[in-house]
Amino acid sequence: AFEQAARLFTETKKSLQTQLGKIEDLDEKQMATSMLKTTDLRHEY
């Protein structure tokens, strides 16, 4: 189950990174950047 969760967080990170460059709104961009950091930490967990 933890392996599956780790894979989901890896997929989440790829998705966020793909979309990050397309976001123009500053607040939305900051939120996506924060989510990237959180995703990395949860993957490490």
All heavy atoms as atom14 arrays in JSON, in Angstrom:
{
  "sequence": "AFEQAARLFTETKKSLQTQLGKIEDLDEKQMATSMLKTTDLRHEY",
  "atom14_mask": [
    [1, 1, 1, 1, 1, 0, 0, 0, 0, 0, 0, 0, 0, 0],
    [1, 1, 1, 1, 1, 1, 1, 1, 1, 1, 1, 0, 0, 0],
    [1, 1, 1, 1, 1, 1, 1, 1, 1, 0, 0, 0, 0, 0],
    [1, 1, 1, 1, 1, 1, 1, 1, 1, 0, 0, 0, 0, 0],
    [1, 1, 1, 1, 1, 0, 0, 0, 0, 0, 0, 0, 0, 0],
    [1, 1, 1, 1, 1, 0, 0, 0, 0, 0, 0, 0, 0, 0],
    [1, 1, 1, 1, 1, 1, 1, 1, 1, 1, 1, 0, 0, 0],
    [1, 1, 1, 1, 1, 1, 1, 1, 0, 0, 0, 0, 0, 0],
    [1, 1, 1, 1, 1, 1, 1, 1, 1, 1, 1, 0, 0, 0],
    [1, 1, 1, 1, 1, 1, 1, 0, 0, 0, 0, 0, 0, 0],
    [1, 1, 1, 1, 1, 1, 1, 1, 1, 0, 0, 0, 0, 0],
    [1, 1, 1, 1, 1, 1, 1, 0, 0, 0, 0, 0, 0, 0],
    [1, 1, 1, 1, 1, 1, 1, 1, 1, 0, 0, 0, 0, 0],
    [1, 1, 1, 1, 1, 1, 1, 1, 1, 0, 0, 0, 0, 0],
    [1, 1, 1, 1, 1, 1, 0, 0, 0, 0, 0, 0, 0, 0],
    [1, 1, 1, 1, 1, 1, 1, 1, 0, 0, 0, 0, 0, 0],
    [1, 1, 1, 1, 1, 1, 1, 1, 1, 0, 0, 0, 0, 0],
    [1, 1, 1, 1, 1, 1, 1, 0, 0, 0, 0, 0, 0, 0],
    [1, 1, 1, 1, 1, 1, 1, 1, 1, 0, 0, 0, 0, 0],
    [1, 1, 1, 1, 1, 1, 1, 1, 0, 0, 0, 0, 0, 0],
    [1, 1, 1, 1, 0, 0, 0, 0, 0, 0, 0, 0, 0, 0],
    [1, 1, 1, 1, 1, 1, 1, 1, 1, 0, 0, 0, 0, 0],
    [1, 1, 1, 1, 1, 1, 1, 1, 0, 0, 0, 0, 0, 0],
    [1, 1, 1, 1, 1, 1, 1, 1, 1, 0, 0, 0, 0, 0],
    [1, 1, 1, 1, 1, 1, 1, 1, 0, 0, 0, 0, 0, 0],
    [1, 1, 1, 1, 1, 1, 1, 1, 0, 0, 0, 0, 0, 0],
    [1, 1, 1, 1, 1, 1, 1, 1, 0, 0, 0, 0, 0, 0],
    [1, 1, 1, 1, 1, 1, 1, 1, 1, 0, 0, 0, 0, 0],
    [1, 1, 1, 1, 1, 1, 1, 1, 1, 0, 0, 0, 0, 0],
    [1, 1, 1, 1, 1, 1, 1, 1, 1, 0, 0, 0, 0, 0],
    [1, 1, 1, 1, 1, 1, 1, 1, 0, 0, 0, 0, 0, 0],
    [1, 1, 1, 1, 1, 0, 0, 0, 0, 0, 0, 0, 0, 0],
    [1, 1, 1, 1, 1, 1, 1, 0, 0, 0, 0, 0, 0, 0],
    [1, 1, 1, 1, 1, 1, 0, 0, 0, 0, 0, 0, 0, 0],
    [1, 1, 1, 1, 1, 1, 1, 1, 0, 0, 0, 0, 0, 0],
    [1, 1, 1, 1, 1, 1, 1, 1, 0, 0, 0, 0, 0, 0],
    [1, 1, 1, 1, 1, 1, 1, 1, 1, 0, 0, 0, 0, 0],
    [1, 1, 1, 1, 1, 1, 1, 0, 0, 0, 0, 0, 0, 0],
    [1, 1, 1, 1, 1, 1, 1, 0, 0, 0, 0, 0, 0, 0],
    [1, 1, 1, 1, 1, 1, 1, 1, 0, 0, 0, 0, 0, 0],
    [1, 1, 1, 1, 1, 1, 1, 1, 0, 0, 0, 0, 0, 0],
    [1, 1, 1, 1, 1, 1, 1, 1, 1, 1, 1, 0, 0, 0],
    [1, 1, 1, 1, 1, 1, 1, 1, 1, 1, 0, 0, 0, 0],
    [1, 1, 1, 1, 1, 1, 1, 1, 1, 0, 0, 0, 0, 0],
    [1, 1, 1, 1, 1, 1, 1, 1, 1, 1, 1, 1, 0, 0]
  ],
  "atom14_positions": [
    [[0.83, -1.21, 0.0], [0.0, 0.0, 0.0], [0.87, 1.26, 0.0], [0.55, 2.23, -0.7], [-0.93, 0.0, 1.21], [0.0, 0.0, 0.0], [0.0, 0.0, 0.0], [0.0, 0.0, 0.0], [0.0, 0.0, 0.0], [0.0, 0.0, 0.0], [0.0, 0.0, 0.0], [0.0, 0.0, 0.0], [0.0, 0.0, 0.0], [0.0, 0.0, 0.0]],
    [[1.95, 1.25, 0.77], [2.85, 2.41, 0.78], [3.56, 2.56, -0.57], [3.81, 3.68, -1.04], [3.89, 2.28, 1.9], [3.39, 2.71, 3.26], [3.38, 1.82, 4.32], [2.92, 4.0, 3.47], [2.91, 2.21, 5.56], [2.44, 4.4, 4.72], [2.44, 3.5, 5.77], [0.0, 0.0, 0.0], [0.0, 0.0, 0.0], [0.0, 0.0, 0.0]],
    [[3.9, 1.43, -1.21], [4.51, 1.48, -2.54], [3.55, 2.14, -3.54], [3.96, 2.95, -4.37], [4.88, 0.07, -3.0], [6.1, -0.51, -2.31], [6.38, -1.94, -2.73], [5.46, -2.58, -3.31], [7.5, -2.42, -2.49], [0.0, 0.0, 0.0], [0.0, 0.0, 0.0], [0.0, 0.0, 0.0], [0.0, 0.0, 0.0], [0.0, 0.0, 0.0]],
    [[2.26, 1.75, -3.46], [1.26, 2.33, -4.35], [1.1, 3.83, -4.09], [1.0, 4.63, -5.03], [-0.08, 1.62, -4.15], [-1.25, 2.2, -4.94], [-1.06, 2.13, -6.45], [-0.2, 1.39, -6.94], [-1.82, 2.92, -7.19], [0.0, 0.0, 0.0], [0.0, 0.0, 0.0], [0.0, 0.0, 0.0], [0.0, 0.0, 0.0], [0.0, 0.0, 0.0]],
    [[1.1, 4.22, -2.81], [0.98, 5.64, -2.46], [2.17, 6.42, -3.0], [2.02, 7.53, -3.54], [0.89, 5.8, -0.95], [0.0, 0.0, 0.0], [0.0, 0.0, 0.0], [0.0, 0.0, 0.0], [0.0, 0.0, 0.0], [0.0, 0.0, 0.0], [0.0, 0.0, 0.0], [0.0, 0.0, 0.0], [0.0, 0.0, 0.0], [0.0, 0.0, 0.0]],
    [[3.38, 5.84, -2.89], [4.58, 6.5, -3.39], [4.49, 6.71, -4.9], [4.87, 7.77, -5.43], [5.82, 5.68, -3.04], [0.0, 0.0, 0.0], [0.0, 0.0, 0.0], [0.0, 0.0, 0.0], [0.0, 0.0, 0.0], [0.0, 0.0, 0.0], [0.0, 0.0, 0.0], [0.0, 0.0, 0.0], [0.0, 0.0, 0.0], [0.0, 0.0, 0.0]],
    [[3.97, 5.7, -5.62], [3.81, 5.83, -7.08], [2.81, 6.94, -7.41], [3.03, 7.71, -8.35], [3.34, 4.5, -7.68], [4.42, 3.45, -7.81], [4.0, 2.31, -8.73], [2.92, 1.54, -8.15], [3.1, 0.48, -7.36], [4.31, 0.08, -7.05], [2.06, -0.19, -6.89], [0.0, 0.0, 0.0], [0.0, 0.0, 0.0], [0.0, 0.0, 0.0]],
    [[1.73, 7.03, -6.64], [0.74, 8.08, -6.88], [1.33, 9.47, -6.66], [1.03, 10.41, -7.41], [-0.47, 7.87, -5.96], [-1.37, 6.68, -6.31], [-2.36, 6.42, -5.18], [-2.12, 6.93, -7.61], [0.0, 0.0, 0.0], [0.0, 0.0, 0.0], [0.0, 0.0, 0.0], [0.0, 0.0, 0.0], [0.0, 0.0, 0.0], [0.0, 0.0, 0.0]],
    [[2.17, 9.61, -5.65], [2.81, 10.91, -5.41], [3.81, 11.25, -6.52], [3.96, 12.41, -6.89], [3.5, 10.93, -4.05], [2.54, 11.08, -2.89], [2.53, 10.17, -1.85], [1.65, 12.14, -2.84], [1.65, 10.3, -0.79], [0.76, 12.29, -1.79], [0.76, 11.36, -0.76], [0.0, 0.0, 0.0], [0.0, 0.0, 0.0], [0.0, 0.0, 0.0]],
    [[4.47, 10.23, -7.06], [5.38, 10.45, -8.19], [4.6, 10.94, -9.41], [5.02, 11.89, -10.1], [6.13, 9.16, -8.54], [6.92, 8.75, -7.42], [7.04, 9.37, -9.75], [0.0, 0.0, 0.0], [0.0, 0.0, 0.0], [0.0, 0.0, 0.0], [0.0, 0.0, 0.0], [0.0, 0.0, 0.0], [0.0, 0.0, 0.0], [0.0, 0.0, 0.0]],
    [[3.44, 10.32, -9.66], [2.6, 10.75, -10.78], [2.06, 12.17, -10.55], [1.98, 12.97, -11.49], [1.43, 9.78, -10.95], [1.85, 8.39, -11.43], [0.72, 7.38, -11.37], [-0.45, 7.82, -11.23], [0.99, 6.17, -11.46], [0.0, 0.0, 0.0], [0.0, 0.0, 0.0], [0.0, 0.0, 0.0], [0.0, 0.0, 0.0], [0.0, 0.0, 0.0]],
    [[1.72, 12.47, -9.31], [1.24, 13.81, -8.96], [2.3, 14.86, -9.25], [2.02, 15.92, -9.8], [0.87, 13.87, -7.46], [-0.14, 12.9, -7.2], [0.35, 15.25, -7.08], [0.0, 0.0, 0.0], [0.0, 0.0, 0.0], [0.0, 0.0, 0.0], [0.0, 0.0, 0.0], [0.0, 0.0, 0.0], [0.0, 0.0, 0.0], [0.0, 0.0, 0.0]],
    [[3.54, 14.55, -8.86], [4.64, 15.49, -9.08], [4.83, 15.76, -10.57], [5.0, 16.92, -11.0], [5.93, 14.94, -8.47], [7.12, 15.88, -8.64], [8.37, 15.33, -7.97], [9.54, 16.28, -8.15], [10.76, 15.79, -7.47], [0.0, 0.0, 0.0], [0.0, 0.0, 0.0], [0.0, 0.0, 0.0], [0.0, 0.0, 0.0], [0.0, 0.0, 0.0]],
    [[4.81, 14.7, -11.38], [4.98, 14.87, -12.82], [3.87, 15.74, -13.4], [4.13, 16.62, -14.24], [4.98, 13.5, -13.51], [6.22, 12.68, -13.23], [6.12, 11.31, -13.91], [7.35, 10.46, -13.63], [7.22, 9.1, -14.24], [0.0, 0.0, 0.0], [0.0, 0.0, 0.0], [0.0, 0.0, 0.0], [0.0, 0.0, 0.0], [0.0, 0.0, 0.0]],
    [[2.66, 15.51, -12.94], [1.51, 16.29, -13.42], [1.66, 17.77, -13.06], [1.42, 18.65, -13.88], [0.23, 15.71, -12.83], [-0.89, 16.48, -13.25], [0.0, 0.0, 0.0], [0.0, 0.0, 0.0], [0.0, 0.0, 0.0], [0.0, 0.0, 0.0], [0.0, 0.0, 0.0], [0.0, 0.0, 0.0], [0.0, 0.0, 0.0], [0.0, 0.0, 0.0]],
    [[2.05, 18.02, -11.81], [2.22, 19.41, -11.35], [3.34, 20.11, -12.13], [3.19, 21.27, -12.53], [2.55, 19.43, -9.86], [1.38, 19.19, -8.91], [1.89, 18.89, -7.49], [0.45, 20.39, -8.88], [0.0, 0.0, 0.0], [0.0, 0.0, 0.0], [0.0, 0.0, 0.0], [0.0, 0.0, 0.0], [0.0, 0.0, 0.0], [0.0, 0.0, 0.0]],
    [[4.44, 19.4, -12.33], [5.57, 19.99, -13.07], [5.18, 20.32, -14.51], [5.6, 21.33, -15.06], [6.77, 19.05, -13.04], [7.45, 18.98, -11.69], [8.56, 17.94, -11.65], [8.47, 16.89, -12.31], [9.59, 18.2, -10.87], [0.0, 0.0, 0.0], [0.0, 0.0, 0.0], [0.0, 0.0, 0.0], [0.0, 0.0, 0.0], [0.0, 0.0, 0.0]],
    [[4.35, 19.44, -15.11], [3.91, 19.66, -16.49], [3.04, 20.91, -16.59], [3.17, 21.7, -17.54], [3.11, 18.45, -16.99], [3.95, 17.29, -16.95], [2.63, 18.67, -18.41], [0.0, 0.0, 0.0], [0.0, 0.0, 0.0], [0.0, 0.0, 0.0], [0.0, 0.0, 0.0], [0.0, 0.0, 0.0], [0.0, 0.0, 0.0], [0.0, 0.0, 0.0]],
    [[2.19, 21.11, -15.61], [1.23, 22.23, -15.65], [1.8, 23.54, -15.11], [1.27, 24.61, -15.42], [-0.02, 21.85, -14.84], [-0.78, 20.67, -15.39], [-1.27, 20.91, -16.82], [-1.72, 22.0, -17.15], [-1.16, 19.88, -17.66], [0.0, 0.0, 0.0], [0.0, 0.0, 0.0], [0.0, 0.0, 0.0], [0.0, 0.0, 0.0], [0.0, 0.0, 0.0]],
    [[2.86, 23.45, -14.3], [3.38, 24.64, -13.62], [3.75, 25.76, -14.59], [3.45, 26.94, -14.36], [4.59, 24.25, -12.76], [5.08, 25.32, -11.76], [3.98, 25.65, -10.76], [6.33, 24.81, -11.02], [0.0, 0.0, 0.0], [0.0, 0.0, 0.0], [0.0, 0.0, 0.0], [0.0, 0.0, 0.0], [0.0, 0.0, 0.0], [0.0, 0.0, 0.0]],
    [[4.39, 25.39, -15.68], [4.81, 26.4, -16.65], [3.67, 27.06, -17.39], [3.83, 28.14, -17.98], [0.0, 0.0, 0.0], [0.0, 0.0, 0.0], [0.0, 0.0, 0.0], [0.0, 0.0, 0.0], [0.0, 0.0, 0.0], [0.0, 0.0, 0.0], [0.0, 0.0, 0.0], [0.0, 0.0, 0.0], [0.0, 0.0, 0.0], [0.0, 0.0, 0.0]],
    [[2.49, 26.44, -17.36], [1.33, 26.98, -18.06], [0.48, 27.91, -17.19], [-0.42, 28.58, -17.69], [0.45, 25.83, -18.57], [1.18, 24.85, -19.47], [0.28, 23.67, -19.81], [1.03, 22.61, -20.64], [0.16, 21.45, -20.94], [0.0, 0.0, 0.0], [0.0, 0.0, 0.0], [0.0, 0.0, 0.0], [0.0, 0.0, 0.0], [0.0, 0.0, 0.0]],
    [[0.76, 27.93, -15.88], [-0.04, 28.74, -14.96], [0.44, 30.19, -14.98], [1.62, 30.46, -14.78], [0.04, 28.17, -13.52], [-0.49, 26.73, -13.49], [-0.74, 29.04, -12.54], [-0.28, 26.03, -12.15], [0.0, 0.0, 0.0], [0.0, 0.0, 0.0], [0.0, 0.0, 0.0], [0.0, 0.0, 0.0], [0.0, 0.0, 0.0], [0.0, 0.0, 0.0]],
    [[-0.49, 31.09, -15.21], [-0.14, 32.5, -15.27], [-0.48, 33.25, -13.98], [0.21, 34.19, -13.61], [-0.86, 33.16, -16.46], [-0.4, 32.6, -17.81], [-1.12, 33.26, -18.97], [-1.98, 34.13, -18.72], [-0.82, 32.9, -20.13], [0.0, 0.0, 0.0], [0.0, 0.0, 0.0], [0.0, 0.0, 0.0], [0.0, 0.0, 0.0], [0.0, 0.0, 0.0]],
    [[-1.56, 32.85, -13.32], [-1.96, 33.51, -12.07], [-0.91, 33.27, -10.98], [-0.55, 32.12, -10.71], [-3.32, 32.98, -11.62], [-3.8, 33.67, -10.35], [-4.34, 34.78, -10.45], [-3.6, 33.08, -9.26], [0.0, 0.0, 0.0], [0.0, 0.0, 0.0], [0.0, 0.0, 0.0], [0.0, 0.0, 0.0], [0.0, 0.0, 0.0], [0.0, 0.0, 0.0]],
    [[-0.42, 34.34, -10.35], [0.67, 34.24, -9.38], [0.27, 33.4, -8.16], [1.05, 32.54, -7.72], [1.1, 35.64, -8.92], [2.29, 35.68, -7.94], [3.53, 35.04, -8.56], [2.59, 37.14, -7.55], [0.0, 0.0, 0.0], [0.0, 0.0, 0.0], [0.0, 0.0, 0.0], [0.0, 0.0, 0.0], [0.0, 0.0, 0.0], [0.0, 0.0, 0.0]],
    [[-0.92, 33.64, -7.61], [-1.37, 32.89, -6.43], [-1.5, 31.4, -6.75], [-1.12, 30.55, -5.94], [-2.72, 33.43, -5.94], [-2.59, 34.79, -5.3], [-1.46, 35.16, -4.9], [-3.61, 35.51, -5.2], [0.0, 0.0, 0.0], [0.0, 0.0, 0.0], [0.0, 0.0, 0.0], [0.0, 0.0, 0.0], [0.0, 0.0, 0.0], [0.0, 0.0, 0.0]],
    [[-2.03, 31.12, -7.92], [-2.19, 29.73, -8.32], [-0.84, 29.06, -8.51], [-0.64, 27.89, -8.17], [-3.01, 29.65, -9.61], [-3.5, 28.24, -9.94], [-4.4, 28.22, -11.17], [-4.95, 29.29, -11.52], [-4.53, 27.14, -11.75], [0.0, 0.0, 0.0], [0.0, 0.0, 0.0], [0.0, 0.0, 0.0], [0.0, 0.0, 0.0], [0.0, 0.0, 0.0]],
    [[0.1, 29.82, -9.05], [1.45, 29.29, -9.28], [2.14, 28.98, -7.95], [2.81, 27.95, -7.8], [2.28, 30.31, -10.06], [3.5, 29.73, -10.77], [4.18, 30.8, -11.59], [5.23, 30.2, -12.52], [4.64, 29.49, -13.66], [0.0, 0.0, 0.0], [0.0, 0.0, 0.0], [0.0, 0.0, 0.0], [0.0, 0.0, 0.0], [0.0, 0.0, 0.0]],
    [[1.96, 29.88, -6.96], [2.54, 29.67, -5.64], [1.93, 28.43, -4.97], [2.63, 27.66, -4.31], [2.33, 30.9, -4.76], [3.22, 32.09, -5.15], [2.95, 33.32, -4.3], [1.88, 33.46, -3.71], [3.92, 34.22, -4.25], [0.0, 0.0, 0.0], [0.0, 0.0, 0.0], [0.0, 0.0, 0.0], [0.0, 0.0, 0.0], [0.0, 0.0, 0.0]],
    [[0.61, 28.26, -5.15], [-0.06, 27.1, -4.57], [0.47, 25.81, -5.19], [0.72, 24.82, -4.5], [-1.56, 27.19, -4.78], [-2.35, 26.06, -4.12], [-4.12, 26.21, -4.32], [-4.29, 25.8, -6.05], [0.0, 0.0, 0.0], [0.0, 0.0, 0.0], [0.0, 0.0, 0.0], [0.0, 0.0, 0.0], [0.0, 0.0, 0.0], [0.0, 0.0, 0.0]],
    [[0.65, 25.82, -6.5], [1.17, 24.63, -7.2], [2.6, 24.31, -6.76], [2.97, 23.14, -6.58], [1.12, 24.84, -8.7], [0.0, 0.0, 0.0], [0.0, 0.0, 0.0], [0.0, 0.0, 0.0], [0.0, 0.0, 0.0], [0.0, 0.0, 0.0], [0.0, 0.0, 0.0], [0.0, 0.0, 0.0], [0.0, 0.0, 0.0], [0.0, 0.0, 0.0]],
    [[3.41, 25.36, -6.55], [4.78, 25.19, -6.09], [4.8, 24.58, -4.68], [5.61, 23.7, -4.38], [5.53, 26.53, -6.08], [5.52, 27.08, -7.41], [6.98, 26.35, -5.65], [0.0, 0.0, 0.0], [0.0, 0.0, 0.0], [0.0, 0.0, 0.0], [0.0, 0.0, 0.0], [0.0, 0.0, 0.0], [0.0, 0.0, 0.0], [0.0, 0.0, 0.0]],
    [[3.9, 25.09, -3.83], [3.78, 24.56, -2.47], [3.35, 23.09, -2.5], [3.86, 22.26, -1.73], [2.77, 25.39, -1.68], [2.57, 24.84, -0.4], [0.0, 0.0, 0.0], [0.0, 0.0, 0.0], [0.0, 0.0, 0.0], [0.0, 0.0, 0.0], [0.0, 0.0, 0.0], [0.0, 0.0, 0.0], [0.0, 0.0, 0.0], [0.0, 0.0, 0.0]],
    [[2.43, 22.77, -3.42], [1.98, 21.39, -3.54], [3.11, 20.47, -4.0], [3.18, 19.3, -3.59], [0.81, 21.3, -4.53], [-0.5, 21.86, -3.97], [-1.81, 21.89, -5.22], [-2.07, 20.14, -5.46], [0.0, 0.0, 0.0], [0.0, 0.0, 0.0], [0.0, 0.0, 0.0], [0.0, 0.0, 0.0], [0.0, 0.0, 0.0], [0.0, 0.0, 0.0]],
    [[4.0, 20.99, -4.84], [5.15, 20.21, -5.29], [6.03, 19.82, -4.1], [6.47, 18.67, -3.98], [5.98, 21.02, -6.3], [5.7, 20.78, -7.78], [6.5, 21.75, -8.63], [6.01, 19.34, -8.17], [0.0, 0.0, 0.0], [0.0, 0.0, 0.0], [0.0, 0.0, 0.0], [0.0, 0.0, 0.0], [0.0, 0.0, 0.0], [0.0, 0.0, 0.0]],
    [[6.28, 20.8, -3.22], [7.11, 20.53, -2.03], [6.43, 19.49, -1.15], [7.08, 18.55, -0.68], [7.33, 21.83, -1.24], [8.14, 21.63, 0.03], [8.23, 22.91, 0.86], [8.94, 22.64, 2.18], [8.99, 23.86, 3.05], [0.0, 0.0, 0.0], [0.0, 0.0, 0.0], [0.0, 0.0, 0.0], [0.0, 0.0, 0.0], [0.0, 0.0, 0.0]],
    [[5.13, 19.66, -0.94], [4.38, 18.73, -0.1], [4.4, 17.32, -0.69], [4.54, 16.33, 0.02], [2.92, 19.2, 0.06], [2.92, 20.51, 0.62], [2.14, 18.27, 0.96], [0.0, 0.0, 0.0], [0.0, 0.0, 0.0], [0.0, 0.0, 0.0], [0.0, 0.0, 0.0], [0.0, 0.0, 0.0], [0.0, 0.0, 0.0], [0.0, 0.0, 0.0]],
    [[4.26, 17.24, -2.01], [4.27, 15.95, -2.69], [5.6, 15.24, -2.5], [5.65, 14.04, -2.25], [3.98, 16.13, -4.19], [2.69, 16.71, -4.35], [4.02, 14.81, -4.94], [0.0, 0.0, 0.0], [0.0, 0.0, 0.0], [0.0, 0.0, 0.0], [0.0, 0.0, 0.0], [0.0, 0.0, 0.0], [0.0, 0.0, 0.0], [0.0, 0.0, 0.0]],
    [[6.7, 16.0, -2.59], [8.03, 15.42, -2.37], [8.16, 14.86, -0.95], [8.67, 13.75, -0.76], [9.12, 16.49, -2.59], [9.47, 16.66, -4.05], [9.24, 15.72, -4.83], [9.97, 17.73, -4.43], [0.0, 0.0, 0.0], [0.0, 0.0, 0.0], [0.0, 0.0, 0.0], [0.0, 0.0, 0.0], [0.0, 0.0, 0.0], [0.0, 0.0, 0.0]],
    [[7.68, 15.64, 0.02], [7.77, 15.19, 1.42], [6.93, 13.95, 1.66], [7.35, 13.03, 2.37], [7.33, 16.32, 2.35], [8.29, 17.52, 2.47], [7.68, 18.61, 3.34], [9.63, 17.08, 3.06], [0.0, 0.0, 0.0], [0.0, 0.0, 0.0], [0.0, 0.0, 0.0], [0.0, 0.0, 0.0], [0.0, 0.0, 0.0], [0.0, 0.0, 0.0]],
    [[5.73, 13.93, 1.08], [4.86, 12.77, 1.27], [5.43, 11.52, 0.58], [5.28, 10.4, 1.08], [3.45, 13.07, 0.75], [2.71, 14.07, 1.64], [1.28, 14.28, 1.18], [0.58, 15.22, 2.03], [-0.02, 14.92, 3.17], [0.01, 13.68, 3.62], [-0.64, 15.83, 3.89], [0.0, 0.0, 0.0], [0.0, 0.0, 0.0], [0.0, 0.0, 0.0]],
    [[6.09, 11.73, -0.55], [6.75, 10.61, -1.22], [7.87, 10.06, -0.34], [8.01, 8.84, -0.17], [7.31, 11.06, -2.57], [8.01, 9.96, -3.32], [9.35, 9.69, -3.15], [7.55, 9.04, -4.21], [9.69, 8.66, -3.92], [8.61, 8.25, -4.56], [0.0, 0.0, 0.0], [0.0, 0.0, 0.0], [0.0, 0.0, 0.0], [0.0, 0.0, 0.0]],
    [[8.67, 10.99, 0.24], [9.74, 10.57, 1.14], [9.19, 9.83, 2.34], [9.77, 8.84, 2.8], [10.53, 11.81, 1.61], [11.51, 12.37, 0.6], [12.73, 11.49, 0.48], [13.6, 11.53, 1.36], [12.81, 10.73, -0.52], [0.0, 0.0, 0.0], [0.0, 0.0, 0.0], [0.0, 0.0, 0.0], [0.0, 0.0, 0.0], [0.0, 0.0, 0.0]],
    [[8.06, 10.3, 2.85], [7.42, 9.65, 3.99], [7.03, 8.22, 3.64], [7.26, 7.29, 4.42], [6.18, 10.44, 4.41], [5.36, 9.79, 5.51], [5.77, 9.87, 6.84], [4.2, 9.09, 5.2], [5.03, 9.26, 7.85], [3.44, 8.48, 6.21], [3.87, 8.57, 7.52], [3.13, 7.96, 8.51], [0.0, 0.0, 0.0], [0.0, 0.0, 0.0]]
  ]
}
